[in-house]
């Protein structure tokens, strides 16, 4: 298919502690086969030489220089603030998000735009690969799903809740007043992609790899998992989704509540195994605030289990018996 219209696409890149990776990222962006692009990088007061490395690469692409904008923060404001600023600053009809430690295929934007032209979709999803130190794996897919199934899969963590690898119509943000929640430190993209999918009239996907997710960066958010701050942000993101779906989509509302109570219980046990009493009790309080109708998902509808798990020292006393029982039943 020949592209009939060439809408402006804004390539949006948050930058923080990416000096080892940003040259590769920038080259993959400046070498795109699609020409009607603007590039906006936001330096969230990165303490390294990320922007210097970016500017070095820019010199090799003089034809792109007039289409590049760099926003600089004099203090670190967090990823949600950065994303809101990038969204507000861009002029594109469509947005293409890229993390500064990742890279994209040279024809990524072109083939996503072609699919958008064919379908008039608000969101077009491509495929992606995650790169670890010794192997490459396929990311959670969802490129070929309908809107409702994709929302459900994201809630159940069966499909990735990422902004990258997707072409997104900017008017979804503007017309529906969608902003990244600045009160949480992680999973801001999870909240927003759900909101975007809910409001999208049509979505589409392509069976082509467009994105490469680098998991070797020790500074990335993926390496922050199992910290209390990550867990609290995770639960708050679930709460935001629950509140959003109440009265709008009963099925998603129930799934989000179920996911939230399961995750809170999982995090509670992580804090227990880490011997962090404070973190454990924080998670207990979170579970107590969740609708009791969902406690059966973690067996808290059993009063004895609820009483034991609500008290850190009771758990310490009874945990060896629990492990022994699981081994006896062949569950370990």
C-alpha atoms as a PDB file:
ATOM      1  CA  UNK A   1       0.000   0.000   0.000  1.00  0.00           C
ATOM      2  CA  UNK A   2       1.180   3.499  -0.855  1.00  0.00           C
ATOM      3  CA  UNK A   3       0.687   6.035   1.934  1.00  0.00           C
ATOM      4  CA  UNK A   4      -1.815   8.649   0.742  1.00  0.00           C
ATOM      5  CA  UNK A   5      -1.356  11.049   3.629  1.00  0.00           C
ATOM      6  CA  UNK A   6       1.745  11.698   5.679  1.00  0.00           C
ATOM      7  CA  UNK A   7       0.554  12.868   9.096  1.00  0.00           C
ATOM      8  CA  UNK A   8       3.115  14.362  11.444  1.00  0.00           C
ATOM      9  CA  UNK A   9       4.320  11.804  13.985  1.00  0.00           C
ATOM     10  CA  UNK A  10       5.892  12.971  17.237  1.00  0.00           C
ATOM     11  CA  UNK A  11       8.648  10.700  18.535  1.00  0.00           C
ATOM     12  CA  UNK A  12       8.724  11.240  22.302  1.00  0.00           C
ATOM     13  CA  UNK A  13      11.742  10.150  24.355  1.00  0.00           C
ATOM     14  CA  UNK A  14      12.174  10.549  28.140  1.00  0.00           C
ATOM     15  CA  UNK A  15      15.882  10.662  28.966  1.00  0.00           C
ATOM     16  CA  UNK A  16      17.416   9.644  32.278  1.00  0.00           C
ATOM     17  CA  UNK A  17      20.660   7.751  32.961  1.00  0.00           C
ATOM     18  CA  UNK A  18      20.936   6.396  29.435  1.00  0.00           C
ATOM     19  CA  UNK A  19      24.427   7.476  28.340  1.00  0.00           C
ATOM     20  CA  UNK A  20      25.413   3.892  27.445  1.00  0.00           C
ATOM     21  CA  UNK A  21      22.390   3.388  25.242  1.00  0.00           C
ATOM     22  CA  UNK A  22      21.125   6.681  23.846  1.00  0.00           C
ATOM     23  CA  UNK A  23      23.387   6.769  20.796  1.00  0.00           C
ATOM     24  CA  UNK A  24      21.943   3.490  19.567  1.00  0.00           C
ATOM     25  CA  UNK A  25      18.430   4.728  20.323  1.00  0.00           C
ATOM     26  CA  UNK A  26      18.921   8.069  18.564  1.00  0.00           C
ATOM     27  CA  UNK A  27      20.453   6.534  15.442  1.00  0.00           C
ATOM     28  CA  UNK A  28      17.523   4.154  15.090  1.00  0.00           C
ATOM     29  CA  UNK A  29      15.153   7.122  15.332  1.00  0.00           C
ATOM     30  CA  UNK A  30      17.008   9.469  12.976  1.00  0.00           C
ATOM     31  CA  UNK A  31      17.288   6.682  10.369  1.00  0.00           C
ATOM     32  CA  UNK A  32      13.541   6.161  10.114  1.00  0.00           C
ATOM     33  CA  UNK A  33      12.271   5.633   6.577  1.00  0.00           C
ATOM     34  CA  UNK A  34       9.262   7.830   7.382  1.00  0.00           C
ATOM     35  CA  UNK A  35      10.107  11.504   6.987  1.00  0.00           C
ATOM     36  CA  UNK A  36       7.321  13.588   8.546  1.00  0.00           C
ATOM     37  CA  UNK A  37       8.628  13.344  12.089  1.00  0.00           C
ATOM     38  CA  UNK A  38       9.389  15.607  14.994  1.00  0.00           C
ATOM     39  CA  UNK A  39      11.630  14.410  17.798  1.00  0.00           C
ATOM     40  CA  UNK A  40      11.246  15.630  21.362  1.00  0.00           C
ATOM     41  CA  UNK A  41      13.688  14.461  24.027  1.00  0.00           C
ATOM     42  CA  UNK A  42      13.133  15.401  27.674  1.00  0.00           C
ATOM     43  CA  UNK A  43      16.200  15.416  29.900  1.00  0.00           C
ATOM     44  CA  UNK A  44      14.848  14.865  33.413  1.00  0.00           C
ATOM     45  CA  UNK A  45      18.025  16.257  34.994  1.00  0.00           C
ATOM     46  CA  UNK A  46      19.989  13.142  34.112  1.00  0.00           C
ATOM     47  CA  UNK A  47      23.228  13.054  36.156  1.00  0.00           C
ATOM     48  CA  UNK A  48      25.249  11.484  33.345  1.00  0.00           C
ATOM     49  CA  UNK A  49      26.282  12.445  29.802  1.00  0.00           C
ATOM     50  CA  UNK A  50      23.100  11.255  28.092  1.00  0.00           C
ATOM     51  CA  UNK A  51      22.306  14.566  26.387  1.00  0.00           C
ATOM     52  CA  UNK A  52      25.937  15.104  25.366  1.00  0.00           C
ATOM     53  CA  UNK A  53      25.897  11.682  23.672  1.00  0.00           C
ATOM     54  CA  UNK A  54      22.612  12.555  21.972  1.00  0.00           C
ATOM     55  CA  UNK A  55      24.008  15.823  20.636  1.00  0.00           C
ATOM     56  CA  UNK A  56      27.034  13.986  19.263  1.00  0.00           C
ATOM     57  CA  UNK A  57      24.755  11.710  17.246  1.00  0.00           C
ATOM     58  CA  UNK A  58      22.634  14.624  16.026  1.00  0.00           C
ATOM     59  CA  UNK A  59      25.645  16.041  14.198  1.00  0.00           C
ATOM     60  CA  UNK A  60      25.624  12.973  11.930  1.00  0.00           C
ATOM     61  CA  UNK A  61      22.056  13.701  10.803  1.00  0.00           C
ATOM     62  CA  UNK A  62      21.969  17.352   9.708  1.00  0.00           C
ATOM     63  CA  UNK A  63      18.711  16.870   7.810  1.00  0.00           C
ATOM     64  CA  UNK A  64      16.981  15.977  11.085  1.00  0.00           C
ATOM     65  CA  UNK A  65      18.343  18.847  13.189  1.00  0.00           C
ATOM     66  CA  UNK A  66      15.473  21.209  12.447  1.00  0.00           C
ATOM     67  CA  UNK A  67      13.013  18.603  13.663  1.00  0.00           C
ATOM     68  CA  UNK A  68      14.627  17.936  17.044  1.00  0.00           C
ATOM     69  CA  UNK A  69      13.700  19.599  20.326  1.00  0.00           C
ATOM     70  CA  UNK A  70      15.365  18.959  23.679  1.00  0.00           C
ATOM     71  CA  UNK A  71      13.527  19.879  26.884  1.00  0.00           C
ATOM     72  CA  UNK A  72      15.827  20.255  29.889  1.00  0.00           C
ATOM     73  CA  UNK A  73      14.794  20.065  33.552  1.00  0.00           C
ATOM     74  CA  UNK A  74      16.898  21.706  36.265  1.00  0.00           C
ATOM     75  CA  UNK A  75      15.691  19.100  38.746  1.00  0.00           C
ATOM     76  CA  UNK A  76      14.371  15.564  38.502  1.00  0.00           C
ATOM     77  CA  UNK A  77      10.572  15.619  38.236  1.00  0.00           C
ATOM     78  CA  UNK A  78       9.761  11.963  37.597  1.00  0.00           C
ATOM     79  CA  UNK A  79       8.612   9.991  34.586  1.00  0.00           C
ATOM     80  CA  UNK A  80       4.915  10.921  34.783  1.00  0.00           C
ATOM     81  CA  UNK A  81       5.681  14.649  34.728  1.00  0.00           C
ATOM     82  CA  UNK A  82       8.065  14.090  31.818  1.00  0.00           C
ATOM     83  CA  UNK A  83       5.433  12.195  29.846  1.00  0.00           C
ATOM     84  CA  UNK A  84       2.811  14.876  30.465  1.00  0.00           C
ATOM     85  CA  UNK A  85       5.227  17.568  29.340  1.00  0.00           C
ATOM     86  CA  UNK A  86       6.184  15.651  26.213  1.00  0.00           C
ATOM     87  CA  UNK A  87       2.528  15.120  25.309  1.00  0.00           C
ATOM     88  CA  UNK A  88       1.734  18.799  25.807  1.00  0.00           C
ATOM     89  CA  UNK A  89       4.789  19.972  23.843  1.00  0.00           C
ATOM     90  CA  UNK A  90       4.362  17.927  20.683  1.00  0.00           C
ATOM     91  CA  UNK A  91       2.505  18.882  17.505  1.00  0.00           C
ATOM     92  CA  UNK A  92       2.025  15.454  15.946  1.00  0.00           C
ATOM     93  CA  UNK A  93      -1.254  13.853  14.920  1.00  0.00           C
ATOM     94  CA  UNK A  94       0.195  10.598  16.229  1.00  0.00           C
ATOM     95  CA  UNK A  95       2.623   9.837  19.042  1.00  0.00           C
ATOM     96  CA  UNK A  96       5.368   7.223  19.067  1.00  0.00           C
ATOM     97  CA  UNK A  97       6.942   6.672  22.496  1.00  0.00           C
ATOM     98  CA  UNK A  98      10.487   5.352  22.812  1.00  0.00           C
ATOM     99  CA  UNK A  99      12.553   4.724  25.944  1.00  0.00           C
ATOM    100  CA  UNK A 100      16.072   6.094  25.646  1.00  0.00           C
ATOM    101  CA  UNK A 101      17.766   2.754  26.359  1.00  0.00           C
ATOM    102  CA  UNK A 102      15.825   0.903  23.640  1.00  0.00           C
ATOM    103  CA  UNK A 103      15.889   1.020  19.848  1.00  0.00           C
ATOM    104  CA  UNK A 104      13.471   0.594  16.962  1.00  0.00           C
ATOM    105  CA  UNK A 105      13.469  -0.910  13.489  1.00  0.00           C
ATOM    106  CA  UNK A 106      14.280   1.627  10.773  1.00  0.00           C
ATOM    107  CA  UNK A 107      10.850   1.200   9.164  1.00  0.00           C
ATOM    108  CA  UNK A 108       8.893   1.130  12.438  1.00  0.00           C
ATOM    109  CA  UNK A 109       6.957   4.366  11.988  1.00  0.00           C
ATOM    110  CA  UNK A 110       6.374   3.778   8.272  1.00  0.00           C
ATOM    111  CA  UNK A 111       4.714   0.385   8.660  1.00  0.00           C
ATOM    112  CA  UNK A 112       2.665   1.527  11.660  1.00  0.00           C
ATOM    113  CA  UNK A 113       1.413   4.527   9.669  1.00  0.00           C
ATOM    114  CA  UNK A 114       0.564   2.273   6.704  1.00  0.00           C
ATOM    115  CA  UNK A 115      -1.600   0.126   8.949  1.00  0.00           C
ATOM    116  CA  UNK A 116      -3.231   3.223  10.430  1.00  0.00           C
ATOM    117  CA  UNK A 117      -4.049   4.464   6.923  1.00  0.00           C
ATOM    118  CA  UNK A 118      -5.628   1.124   6.041  1.00  0.00           C
ATOM    119  CA  UNK A 119      -7.782   0.927   9.165  1.00  0.00           C
ATOM    120  CA  UNK A 120      -8.188   4.496  10.496  1.00  0.00           C
ATOM    121  CA  UNK A 121      -7.249   3.061  13.902  1.00  0.00           C
ATOM    122  CA  UNK A 122      -6.600   5.260  16.921  1.00  0.00           C
ATOM    123  CA  UNK A 123      -3.920   2.875  18.209  1.00  0.00           C
ATOM    124  CA  UNK A 124      -1.707   0.598  16.108  1.00  0.00           C
ATOM    125  CA  UNK A 125       0.459  -1.968  17.876  1.00  0.00           C
ATOM    126  CA  UNK A 126       3.517  -3.739  16.507  1.00  0.00           C
ATOM    127  CA  UNK A 127       5.528  -6.594  17.914  1.00  0.00           C
ATOM    128  CA  UNK A 128       8.605  -6.287  20.112  1.00  0.00           C
ATOM    129  CA  UNK A 129      11.497  -8.278  21.454  1.00  0.00           C
ATOM    130  CA  UNK A 130      13.109  -8.027  24.866  1.00  0.00           C
ATOM    131  CA  UNK A 131      16.874  -8.372  24.994  1.00  0.00           C
ATOM    132  CA  UNK A 132      18.489  -9.895  28.064  1.00  0.00           C
ATOM    133  CA  UNK A 133      22.198 -10.485  28.631  1.00  0.00           C
ATOM    134  CA  UNK A 134      22.268 -13.956  27.085  1.00  0.00           C
ATOM    135  CA  UNK A 135      19.037 -14.297  25.159  1.00  0.00           C
ATOM    136  CA  UNK A 136      16.226 -12.556  23.351  1.00  0.00           C
ATOM    137  CA  UNK A 137      12.583 -13.234  24.123  1.00  0.00           C
ATOM    138  CA  UNK A 138       9.292 -12.166  22.602  1.00  0.00           C
ATOM    139  CA  UNK A 139       7.426  -9.606  24.686  1.00  0.00           C
ATOM    140  CA  UNK A 140       3.864 -10.241  25.842  1.00  0.00           C
ATOM    141  CA  UNK A 141       1.904  -9.904  22.642  1.00  0.00           C
ATOM    142  CA  UNK A 142      -1.432  -8.322  21.952  1.00  0.00           C
ATOM    143  CA  UNK A 143      -0.909  -6.814  18.528  1.00  0.00           C
ATOM    144  CA  UNK A 144      -3.701  -8.912  16.978  1.00  0.00           C
ATOM    145  CA  UNK A 145      -6.377  -8.596  19.696  1.00  0.00           C
ATOM    146  CA  UNK A 146      -9.602  -6.622  19.705  1.00  0.00           C
ATOM    147  CA  UNK A 147      -9.910  -3.671  22.080  1.00  0.00           C
ATOM    148  CA  UNK A 148     -11.803  -5.360  24.915  1.00  0.00           C
ATOM    149  CA  UNK A 149      -9.682  -8.504  24.859  1.00  0.00           C
ATOM    150  CA  UNK A 150      -6.488  -6.437  24.889  1.00  0.00           C
ATOM    151  CA  UNK A 151      -7.722  -4.407  27.877  1.00  0.00           C
ATOM    152  CA  UNK A 152      -8.543  -7.595  29.747  1.00  0.00           C
ATOM    153  CA  UNK A 153      -5.190  -9.160  28.872  1.00  0.00           C
ATOM    154  CA  UNK A 154      -3.318  -6.094  30.080  1.00  0.00           C
ATOM    155  CA  UNK A 155      -5.231  -6.141  33.361  1.00  0.00           C
ATOM    156  CA  UNK A 156      -4.378  -9.834  33.767  1.00  0.00           C
ATOM    157  CA  UNK A 157      -0.726  -9.163  32.798  1.00  0.00           C
ATOM    158  CA  UNK A 158      -1.047 -11.419  29.754  1.00  0.00           C
ATOM    159  CA  UNK A 159      -0.146  -8.569  27.393  1.00  0.00           C
ATOM    160  CA  UNK A 160       2.304  -5.744  27.894  1.00  0.00           C
ATOM    161  CA  UNK A 161       0.944  -2.447  29.228  1.00  0.00           C
ATOM    162  CA  UNK A 162       3.648  -0.411  27.542  1.00  0.00           C
ATOM    163  CA  UNK A 163       3.308   2.738  25.470  1.00  0.00           C
ATOM    164  CA  UNK A 164       6.229   1.822  23.253  1.00  0.00           C
ATOM    165  CA  UNK A 165       5.681  -0.242  20.073  1.00  0.00           C
ATOM    166  CA  UNK A 166       2.385   1.617  19.557  1.00  0.00           C
ATOM    167  CA  UNK A 167       1.333   4.473  17.312  1.00  0.00           C
ATOM    168  CA  UNK A 168      -1.236   6.483  19.290  1.00  0.00           C
ATOM    169  CA  UNK A 169      -3.548   9.239  18.094  1.00  0.00           C
ATOM    170  CA  UNK A 170      -2.823  12.341  20.160  1.00  0.00           C
ATOM    171  CA  UNK A 171      -6.475  13.432  20.237  1.00  0.00           C
ATOM    172  CA  UNK A 172      -7.194  10.476  22.546  1.00  0.00           C
ATOM    173  CA  UNK A 173      -5.212  12.341  25.194  1.00  0.00           C
ATOM    174  CA  UNK A 174      -6.677  15.763  24.458  1.00  0.00           C
ATOM    175  CA  UNK A 175     -10.349  14.909  23.900  1.00  0.00           C
ATOM    176  CA  UNK A 176     -10.554  12.681  26.984  1.00  0.00           C
ATOM    177  CA  UNK A 177      -8.311  14.738  29.285  1.00  0.00           C
ATOM    178  CA  UNK A 178      -5.953  11.789  29.796  1.00  0.00           C
ATOM    179  CA  UNK A 179      -2.850  12.585  31.818  1.00  0.00           C
ATOM    180  CA  UNK A 180      -0.174  10.445  33.369  1.00  0.00           C
ATOM    181  CA  UNK A 181      -0.763  10.142  37.138  1.00  0.00           C
ATOM    182  CA  UNK A 182       2.003  12.145  38.768  1.00  0.00           C
ATOM    183  CA  UNK A 183       1.243  10.763  42.217  1.00  0.00           C
ATOM    184  CA  UNK A 184       2.843   7.405  41.368  1.00  0.00           C
ATOM    185  CA  UNK A 185       6.479   6.656  40.542  1.00  0.00           C
ATOM    186  CA  UNK A 186       6.030   3.528  38.418  1.00  0.00           C
ATOM    187  CA  UNK A 187       3.404   1.977  36.095  1.00  0.00           C
ATOM    188  CA  UNK A 188       2.090   5.335  34.940  1.00  0.00           C
ATOM    189  CA  UNK A 189       1.997   3.821  31.441  1.00  0.00           C
ATOM    190  CA  UNK A 190      -0.220   0.957  32.674  1.00  0.00           C
ATOM    191  CA  UNK A 191      -2.874   3.408  33.815  1.00  0.00           C
ATOM    192  CA  UNK A 192      -2.763   5.523  30.682  1.00  0.00           C
ATOM    193  CA  UNK A 193      -2.763   2.691  28.132  1.00  0.00           C
ATOM    194  CA  UNK A 194      -5.941   1.346  29.757  1.00  0.00           C
ATOM    195  CA  UNK A 195      -7.583   4.778  29.539  1.00  0.00           C
ATOM    196  CA  UNK A 196      -6.504   5.147  25.902  1.00  0.00           C
ATOM    197  CA  UNK A 197      -7.802   1.730  24.899  1.00  0.00           C
ATOM    198  CA  UNK A 198     -11.148   2.384  26.595  1.00  0.00           C
ATOM    199  CA  UNK A 199     -11.659   5.605  24.627  1.00  0.00           C
ATOM    200  CA  UNK A 200     -10.251   4.354  21.308  1.00  0.00           C
ATOM    201  CA  UNK A 201     -12.881   3.726  18.645  1.00  0.00           C
ATOM    202  CA  UNK A 202     -10.703   1.305  16.736  1.00  0.00           C
ATOM    203  CA  UNK A 203      -7.347  -0.402  17.264  1.00  0.00           C
ATOM    204  CA  UNK A 204      -5.191  -2.432  14.900  1.00  0.00           C
ATOM    205  CA  UNK A 205      -1.957  -4.373  14.893  1.00  0.00           C
ATOM    206  CA  UNK A 206       0.824  -5.578  12.623  1.00  0.00           C
ATOM    207  CA  UNK A 207       2.722  -8.850  12.712  1.00  0.00           C
ATOM    208  CA  UNK A 208       6.073  -7.102  12.379  1.00  0.00           C
ATOM    209  CA  UNK A 209       8.748  -6.386  14.960  1.00  0.00           C
ATOM    210  CA  UNK A 210       9.030  -2.625  15.385  1.00  0.00           C
ATOM    211  CA  UNK A 211      10.638  -2.298  18.821  1.00  0.00           C
ATOM    212  CA  UNK A 212      13.574  -3.677  20.813  1.00  0.00           C
ATOM    213  CA  UNK A 213      13.346  -3.512  24.606  1.00  0.00           C
ATOM    214  CA  UNK A 214      16.748  -3.587  26.325  1.00  0.00           C
ATOM    215  CA  UNK A 215      16.518  -5.275  29.738  1.00  0.00           C
ATOM    216  CA  UNK A 216      20.244  -5.057  30.498  1.00  0.00           C
ATOM    217  CA  UNK A 217      20.120  -1.468  31.780  1.00  0.00           C
ATOM    218  CA  UNK A 218      20.585  -1.605  35.560  1.00  0.00           C
ATOM    219  CA  UNK A 219      19.159   1.911  35.873  1.00  0.00           C
ATOM    220  CA  UNK A 220      15.827   1.058  34.267  1.00  0.00           C
ATOM    221  CA  UNK A 221      12.547   0.761  36.128  1.00  0.00           C
ATOM    222  CA  UNK A 222      12.370  -2.968  35.384  1.00  0.00           C
ATOM    223  CA  UNK A 223      15.227  -3.375  37.890  1.00  0.00           C
ATOM    224  CA  UNK A 224      13.244  -1.622  40.637  1.00  0.00           C
ATOM    225  CA  UNK A 225      10.780  -4.462  41.137  1.00  0.00           C
ATOM    226  CA  UNK A 226      10.317  -5.945  44.616  1.00  0.00           C
ATOM    227  CA  UNK A 227      11.056  -2.598  46.254  1.00  0.00           C
ATOM    228  CA  UNK A 228       8.355  -1.233  48.511  1.00  0.00           C
ATOM    229  CA  UNK A 229       8.037   1.967  46.472  1.00  0.00           C
ATOM    230  CA  UNK A 230       7.438  -0.049  43.298  1.00  0.00           C
ATOM    231  CA  UNK A 231       4.853  -2.219  45.036  1.00  0.00           C
ATOM    232  CA  UNK A 232       2.995   0.797  46.407  1.00  0.00           C
ATOM    233  CA  UNK A 233       2.940   2.428  42.962  1.00  0.00           C
ATOM    234  CA  UNK A 234       1.699  -0.848  41.487  1.00  0.00           C
ATOM    235  CA  UNK A 235      -1.219  -0.990  43.908  1.00  0.00           C
ATOM    236  CA  UNK A 236      -2.048   2.684  43.431  1.00  0.00           C
ATOM    237  CA  UNK A 237      -2.113   2.164  39.663  1.00  0.00           C
ATOM    238  CA  UNK A 238      -4.570  -0.697  40.219  1.00  0.00           C
ATOM    239  CA  UNK A 239      -6.681   1.568  42.422  1.00  0.00           C
ATOM    240  CA  UNK A 240      -6.796   4.234  39.719  1.00  0.00           C
ATOM    241  CA  UNK A 241      -7.974   1.658  37.183  1.00  0.00           C
ATOM    242  CA  UNK A 242     -10.604   0.296  39.583  1.00  0.00           C
ATOM    243  CA  UNK A 243     -11.959   3.795  40.169  1.00  0.00           C
ATOM    244  CA  UNK A 244     -11.964   4.473  36.434  1.00  0.00           C
ATOM    245  CA  UNK A 245     -13.952   1.358  35.517  1.00  0.00           C
ATOM    246  CA  UNK A 246     -16.546   1.683  38.283  1.00  0.00           C
ATOM    247  CA  UNK A 247     -19.866   2.232  36.542  1.00  0.00           C
ATOM    248  CA  UNK A 248     -18.243   1.999  33.091  1.00  0.00           C
ATOM    249  CA  UNK A 249     -17.212  -1.625  32.570  1.00  0.00           C
ATOM    250  CA  UNK A 250     -18.290  -4.173  35.175  1.00  0.00           C
ATOM    251  CA  UNK A 251     -16.116  -6.988  33.847  1.00  0.00           C
ATOM    252  CA  UNK A 252     -12.905  -4.919  33.900  1.00  0.00           C
ATOM    253  CA  UNK A 253     -13.882  -3.468  37.283  1.00  0.00           C
ATOM    254  CA  UNK A 254     -14.039  -6.955  38.824  1.00  0.00           C
ATOM    255  CA  UNK A 255     -10.841  -8.116  37.119  1.00  0.00           C
ATOM    256  CA  UNK A 256      -8.930  -5.079  38.410  1.00  0.00           C
ATOM    257  CA  UNK A 257     -10.128  -5.669  41.962  1.00  0.00           C
ATOM    258  CA  UNK A 258      -9.120  -9.320  41.753  1.00  0.00           C
ATOM    259  CA  UNK A 259      -5.709  -8.411  40.385  1.00  0.00           C
ATOM    260  CA  UNK A 260      -5.216  -5.773  43.067  1.00  0.00           C
ATOM    261  CA  UNK A 261      -5.982  -8.095  45.978  1.00  0.00           C
ATOM    262  CA  UNK A 262      -3.797 -10.868  44.541  1.00  0.00           C
ATOM    263  CA  UNK A 263      -0.885  -8.505  43.984  1.00  0.00           C
ATOM    264  CA  UNK A 264      -1.222  -6.942  47.442  1.00  0.00           C
ATOM    265  CA  UNK A 265      -1.091 -10.420  48.976  1.00  0.00           C
ATOM    266  CA  UNK A 266       1.884 -11.361  46.807  1.00  0.00           C
ATOM    267  CA  UNK A 267       3.718  -8.195  47.851  1.00  0.00           C
ATOM    268  CA  UNK A 268       2.836  -8.893  51.487  1.00  0.00           C
ATOM    269  CA  UNK A 269       4.574 -12.259  51.253  1.00  0.00           C
ATOM    270  CA  UNK A 270       7.591 -10.714  49.511  1.00  0.00           C
ATOM    271  CA  UNK A 271       7.951  -8.258  52.389  1.00  0.00           C
ATOM    272  CA  UNK A 272       7.567 -11.146  54.832  1.00  0.00           C
ATOM    273  CA  UNK A 273      10.308 -13.175  53.174  1.00  0.00           C
ATOM    274  CA  UNK A 274      12.490 -10.066  53.192  1.00  0.00           C
ATOM    275  CA  UNK A 275      11.833  -9.797  56.946  1.00  0.00           C
ATOM    276  CA  UNK A 276      10.511  -6.281  56.521  1.00  0.00           C
ATOM    277  CA  UNK A 277       7.832  -5.884  59.175  1.00  0.00           C
ATOM    278  CA  UNK A 278       6.945  -2.330  58.167  1.00  0.00           C
ATOM    279  CA  UNK A 279       6.476  -3.252  54.512  1.00  0.00           C
ATOM    280  CA  UNK A 280       4.473  -6.318  55.501  1.00  0.00           C
ATOM    281  CA  UNK A 281       2.065  -4.292  57.620  1.00  0.00           C
ATOM    282  CA  UNK A 282       1.720  -1.667  54.882  1.00  0.00           C
ATOM    283  CA  UNK A 283       0.532  -4.414  52.534  1.00  0.00           C
ATOM    284  CA  UNK A 284      -1.839  -5.801  55.169  1.00  0.00           C
ATOM    285  CA  UNK A 285      -3.408  -2.335  55.447  1.00  0.00           C
ATOM    286  CA  UNK A 286      -3.802  -2.219  51.666  1.00  0.00           C
ATOM    287  CA  UNK A 287      -5.620  -5.547  51.642  1.00  0.00           C
ATOM    288  CA  UNK A 288      -7.953  -4.389  54.406  1.00  0.00           C
ATOM    289  CA  UNK A 289      -8.947  -1.388  52.279  1.00  0.00           C
ATOM    290  CA  UNK A 290      -9.875  -3.560  49.293  1.00  0.00           C
ATOM    291  CA  UNK A 291     -13.522  -4.560  48.952  1.00  0.00           C
ATOM    292  CA  UNK A 292     -14.099  -7.640  51.131  1.00  0.00           C
ATOM    293  CA  UNK A 293     -16.008  -9.294  48.306  1.00  0.00           C
ATOM    294  CA  UNK A 294     -12.626 -10.064  46.740  1.00  0.00           C
ATOM    295  CA  UNK A 295     -10.929 -11.480  49.829  1.00  0.00           C
ATOM    296  CA  UNK A 296     -11.867 -14.999  48.772  1.00  0.00           C
ATOM    297  CA  UNK A 297      -9.221 -14.679  46.032  1.00  0.00           C
ATOM    298  CA  UNK A 298      -6.528 -14.813  48.739  1.00  0.00           C
ATOM    299  CA  UNK A 299      -8.513 -16.980  51.203  1.00  0.00           C
ATOM    300  CA  UNK A 300      -9.051 -14.069  53.581  1.00  0.00           C
ATOM    301  CA  UNK A 301     -12.720 -15.005  53.736  1.00  0.00           C
ATOM    302  CA  UNK A 302     -11.425 -17.675  56.145  1.00  0.00           C
ATOM    303  CA  UNK A 303     -11.248 -15.830  59.467  1.00  0.00           C
ATOM    304  CA  UNK A 304      -8.349 -17.928  60.802  1.00  0.00           C
ATOM    305  CA  UNK A 305      -6.136 -17.253  57.773  1.00  0.00           C
ATOM    306  CA  UNK A 306      -7.080 -13.573  57.903  1.00  0.00           C
ATOM    307  CA  UNK A 307      -6.221 -13.242  61.601  1.00  0.00           C
ATOM    308  CA  UNK A 308      -2.870 -15.015  61.241  1.00  0.00           C
ATOM    309  CA  UNK A 309      -1.804 -13.098  58.123  1.00  0.00           C
ATOM    310  CA  UNK A 310      -2.877  -9.764  59.608  1.00  0.00           C
ATOM    311  CA  UNK A 311      -0.264 -10.095  62.353  1.00  0.00           C
ATOM    312  CA  UNK A 312       3.412 -10.229  61.435  1.00  0.00           C
ATOM    313  CA  UNK A 313       4.581 -12.186  64.491  1.00  0.00           C
ATOM    314  CA  UNK A 314       1.784 -14.740  64.223  1.00  0.00           C
ATOM    315  CA  UNK A 315       2.952 -15.307  60.656  1.00  0.00           C
ATOM    316  CA  UNK A 316       6.506 -15.821  61.856  1.00  0.00           C
ATOM    317  CA  UNK A 317       5.314 -18.443  64.324  1.00  0.00           C
ATOM    318  CA  UNK A 318       3.097 -20.343  61.899  1.00  0.00           C
ATOM    319  CA  UNK A 319       5.050 -20.007  58.654  1.00  0.00           C
ATOM    320  CA  UNK A 320       7.241 -23.120  59.214  1.00  0.00           C
ATOM    321  CA  UNK A 321       4.065 -25.174  59.655  1.00  0.00           C
ATOM    322  CA  UNK A 322       2.688 -23.752  56.411  1.00  0.00           C
ATOM    323  CA  UNK A 323       5.862 -24.691  54.531  1.00  0.00           C
ATOM    324  CA  UNK A 324       5.803 -28.194  56.056  1.00  0.00           C
ATOM    325  CA  UNK A 325       2.173 -28.677  54.995  1.00  0.00           C
ATOM    326  CA  UNK A 326       2.888 -27.531  51.447  1.00  0.00           C
ATOM    327  CA  UNK A 327       5.795 -29.954  51.158  1.00  0.00           C
ATOM    328  CA  UNK A 328       3.647 -32.756  52.573  1.00  0.00           C
ATOM    329  CA  UNK A 329       1.022 -32.063  49.910  1.00  0.00           C
ATOM    330  CA  UNK A 330       3.657 -31.895  47.195  1.00  0.00           C
ATOM    331  CA  UNK A 331       3.090 -28.175  46.585  1.00  0.00           C
ATOM    332  CA  UNK A 332       6.739 -27.201  47.051  1.00  0.00           C
END
